[in-house]
Amino acid sequence: MKFSQADRCSYHHYRPILAQEMADALATESLRRLEPVWCPISGGWHIWAPELERGTITSLDRL
């Protein structure tokens, strides 16, 4: 599955819902600038950049 074709999570600002393997691969490719975050709402993984997004995505901070 392509990142752009992934289902979206409406609770978390329409972030892609990813399989753990894909989220981990993206984190590795980004040299860990991106981090996978488990989403209990969607039952999948989101990826985010905590250094850039901290304080802007409060719904992810609550997880």
N, C-alpha and C. Protein backbone atom coordinates (compact mmCIF):
# COMPACT_ATOMS: atom_id res chain seq x y z
N MET A 1 0.83 -1.17 0.00
CA MET A 1 0.00 0.00 0.00
C MET A 1 0.88 1.24 0.00
N LYS A 2 0.47 2.24 -0.76
CA LYS A 2 1.18 3.51 -0.77
C LYS A 2 0.70 4.38 0.38
N PHE A 3 1.61 5.17 0.90
CA PHE A 3 1.29 6.08 2.00
C PHE A 3 0.09 6.96 1.63
N SER A 4 0.09 7.48 0.41
CA SER A 4 -0.97 8.39 -0.02
C SER A 4 -2.31 7.70 -0.20
N GLN A 5 -2.33 6.38 -0.30
CA GLN A 5 -3.57 5.64 -0.50
C GLN A 5 -4.10 5.02 0.79
N ALA A 6 -3.43 5.25 1.89
CA ALA A 6 -3.85 4.66 3.17
C ALA A 6 -5.16 5.29 3.63
N ASP A 7 -5.96 4.50 4.34
CA ASP A 7 -7.16 5.04 4.97
C ASP A 7 -6.75 6.15 5.92
N ARG A 8 -7.68 7.05 6.22
CA ARG A 8 -7.39 8.21 7.07
C ARG A 8 -8.17 8.15 8.38
N CYS A 9 -7.58 8.70 9.41
CA CYS A 9 -8.18 8.73 10.74
C CYS A 9 -8.79 10.11 10.98
N SER A 10 -10.10 10.20 11.01
CA SER A 10 -10.74 11.50 11.19
C SER A 10 -10.49 12.07 12.58
N TYR A 11 -10.28 11.23 13.56
CA TYR A 11 -10.03 11.71 14.93
C TYR A 11 -8.69 12.43 15.04
N HIS A 12 -7.71 11.98 14.28
CA HIS A 12 -6.36 12.56 14.33
C HIS A 12 -6.04 13.34 13.06
N HIS A 13 -6.90 14.28 12.73
CA HIS A 13 -6.63 15.23 11.65
C HIS A 13 -6.38 14.54 10.31
N TYR A 14 -7.05 13.43 10.06
CA TYR A 14 -6.98 12.69 8.80
C TYR A 14 -5.57 12.19 8.48
N ARG A 15 -4.85 11.82 9.52
CA ARG A 15 -3.55 11.19 9.31
C ARG A 15 -3.75 9.81 8.72
N PRO A 16 -2.80 9.35 7.91
CA PRO A 16 -2.90 7.99 7.36
C PRO A 16 -2.87 6.94 8.47
N ILE A 17 -3.65 5.90 8.30
CA ILE A 17 -3.65 4.75 9.20
C ILE A 17 -2.73 3.71 8.57
N LEU A 18 -1.64 3.39 9.23
CA LEU A 18 -0.61 2.54 8.66
C LEU A 18 -0.47 1.23 9.44
N ALA A 19 0.04 0.22 8.75
CA ALA A 19 0.46 -1.01 9.43
C ALA A 19 1.76 -0.69 10.18
N GLN A 20 2.01 -1.42 11.24
CA GLN A 20 3.20 -1.16 12.05
C GLN A 20 4.48 -1.26 11.22
N GLU A 21 4.55 -2.21 10.31
CA GLU A 21 5.75 -2.38 9.48
C GLU A 21 6.02 -1.14 8.64
N MET A 22 4.95 -0.56 8.07
CA MET A 22 5.12 0.63 7.24
C MET A 22 5.52 1.83 8.09
N ALA A 23 4.90 1.99 9.25
CA ALA A 23 5.24 3.10 10.15
C ALA A 23 6.70 2.98 10.61
N ASP A 24 7.13 1.78 10.95
CA ASP A 24 8.52 1.57 11.37
C ASP A 24 9.49 1.85 10.23
N ALA A 25 9.14 1.44 9.02
CA ALA A 25 10.00 1.69 7.86
C ALA A 25 10.14 3.18 7.59
N LEU A 26 9.06 3.93 7.70
CA LEU A 26 9.12 5.38 7.51
C LEU A 26 9.97 6.04 8.59
N ALA A 27 9.85 5.58 9.81
CA ALA A 27 10.66 6.12 10.90
C ALA A 27 12.14 5.85 10.66
N THR A 28 12.46 4.66 10.22
CA THR A 28 13.85 4.30 9.92
C THR A 28 14.40 5.14 8.78
N GLU A 29 13.61 5.28 7.70
CA GLU A 29 14.04 6.08 6.55
C GLU A 29 14.29 7.54 6.92
N SER A 30 13.54 8.04 7.88
CA SER A 30 13.67 9.44 8.28
C SER A 30 14.77 9.65 9.32
N LEU A 31 15.52 8.60 9.60
CA LEU A 31 16.55 8.64 10.65
C LEU A 31 15.95 8.98 12.00
N ARG A 32 14.75 8.48 12.21
CA ARG A 32 13.99 8.65 13.47
C ARG A 32 13.54 10.08 13.73
N ARG A 33 13.54 10.91 12.68
CA ARG A 33 12.93 12.24 12.83
C ARG A 33 11.42 12.10 12.91
N LEU A 34 10.91 11.05 12.30
CA LEU A 34 9.49 10.71 12.40
C LEU A 34 9.36 9.57 13.40
N GLU A 35 8.24 9.54 14.09
CA GLU A 35 8.00 8.48 15.07
C GLU A 35 6.65 7.84 14.81
N PRO A 36 6.58 6.51 14.93
CA PRO A 36 5.28 5.85 14.85
C PRO A 36 4.53 6.02 16.17
N VAL A 37 3.23 6.21 16.07
CA VAL A 37 2.37 6.37 17.24
C VAL A 37 1.17 5.45 17.06
N TRP A 38 0.91 4.58 18.04
CA TRP A 38 -0.24 3.69 18.00
C TRP A 38 -1.52 4.49 18.20
N CYS A 39 -2.53 4.20 17.42
CA CYS A 39 -3.82 4.87 17.53
C CYS A 39 -4.89 3.86 17.94
N PRO A 40 -5.36 3.91 19.18
CA PRO A 40 -6.39 2.98 19.61
C PRO A 40 -7.75 3.27 18.97
N ILE A 41 -7.92 4.46 18.43
CA ILE A 41 -9.18 4.82 17.78
C ILE A 41 -9.32 4.06 16.46
N SER A 42 -8.26 4.10 15.64
CA SER A 42 -8.31 3.48 14.32
C SER A 42 -7.79 2.04 14.32
N GLY A 43 -7.05 1.68 15.36
CA GLY A 43 -6.46 0.35 15.40
C GLY A 43 -5.26 0.21 14.49
N GLY A 44 -4.63 1.33 14.18
CA GLY A 44 -3.44 1.31 13.33
C GLY A 44 -2.40 2.28 13.86
N TRP A 45 -1.44 2.58 13.03
CA TRP A 45 -0.32 3.44 13.41
C TRP A 45 -0.34 4.73 12.61
N HIS A 46 0.03 5.83 13.25
CA HIS A 46 0.25 7.10 12.58
C HIS A 46 1.75 7.38 12.66
N ILE A 47 2.20 8.27 11.81
CA ILE A 47 3.59 8.71 11.85
C ILE A 47 3.56 10.23 12.02
N TRP A 48 4.45 10.74 12.88
CA TRP A 48 4.48 12.18 13.07
C TRP A 48 5.88 12.64 13.40
N ALA A 49 6.11 13.94 13.29
CA ALA A 49 7.42 14.54 13.57
C ALA A 49 7.29 15.30 14.89
N PRO A 50 7.62 14.67 16.01
CA PRO A 50 7.37 15.29 17.32
C PRO A 50 8.10 16.61 17.53
N GLU A 51 9.29 16.76 16.98
CA GLU A 51 10.03 18.01 17.18
C GLU A 51 9.37 19.18 16.45
N LEU A 52 8.71 18.90 15.36
CA LEU A 52 8.04 19.95 14.59
C LEU A 52 6.60 20.15 15.00
N GLU A 53 5.96 19.10 15.46
CA GLU A 53 4.52 19.13 15.69
C GLU A 53 4.11 19.21 17.15
N ARG A 54 5.03 19.15 18.06
CA ARG A 54 4.66 19.16 19.48
C ARG A 54 3.85 20.42 19.80
N GLY A 55 2.73 20.20 20.45
CA GLY A 55 1.86 21.31 20.79
C GLY A 55 0.85 21.67 19.72
N THR A 56 1.03 21.15 18.52
CA THR A 56 0.08 21.46 17.46
C THR A 56 -0.91 20.33 17.24
N ILE A 57 -0.56 19.14 17.67
CA ILE A 57 -1.43 17.99 17.47
C ILE A 57 -1.78 17.44 18.84
N THR A 58 -2.66 18.13 19.49
CA THR A 58 -2.97 17.77 20.86
C THR A 58 -3.65 16.42 20.96
N SER A 59 -4.37 16.02 19.92
CA SER A 59 -5.03 14.72 20.00
C SER A 59 -4.02 13.58 20.00
N LEU A 60 -2.87 13.74 19.35
CA LEU A 60 -1.83 12.72 19.42
C LEU A 60 -1.14 12.76 20.77
N ASP A 61 -0.99 13.94 21.35
CA ASP A 61 -0.37 14.05 22.67
C ASP A 61 -1.19 13.32 23.73
N ARG A 62 -2.49 13.18 23.53
CA ARG A 62 -3.34 12.53 24.52
C ARG A 62 -3.19 11.02 24.51
N LEU A 63 -2.62 10.45 23.46
CA LEU A 63 -2.51 8.99 23.38
C LEU A 63 -1.42 8.47 24.27
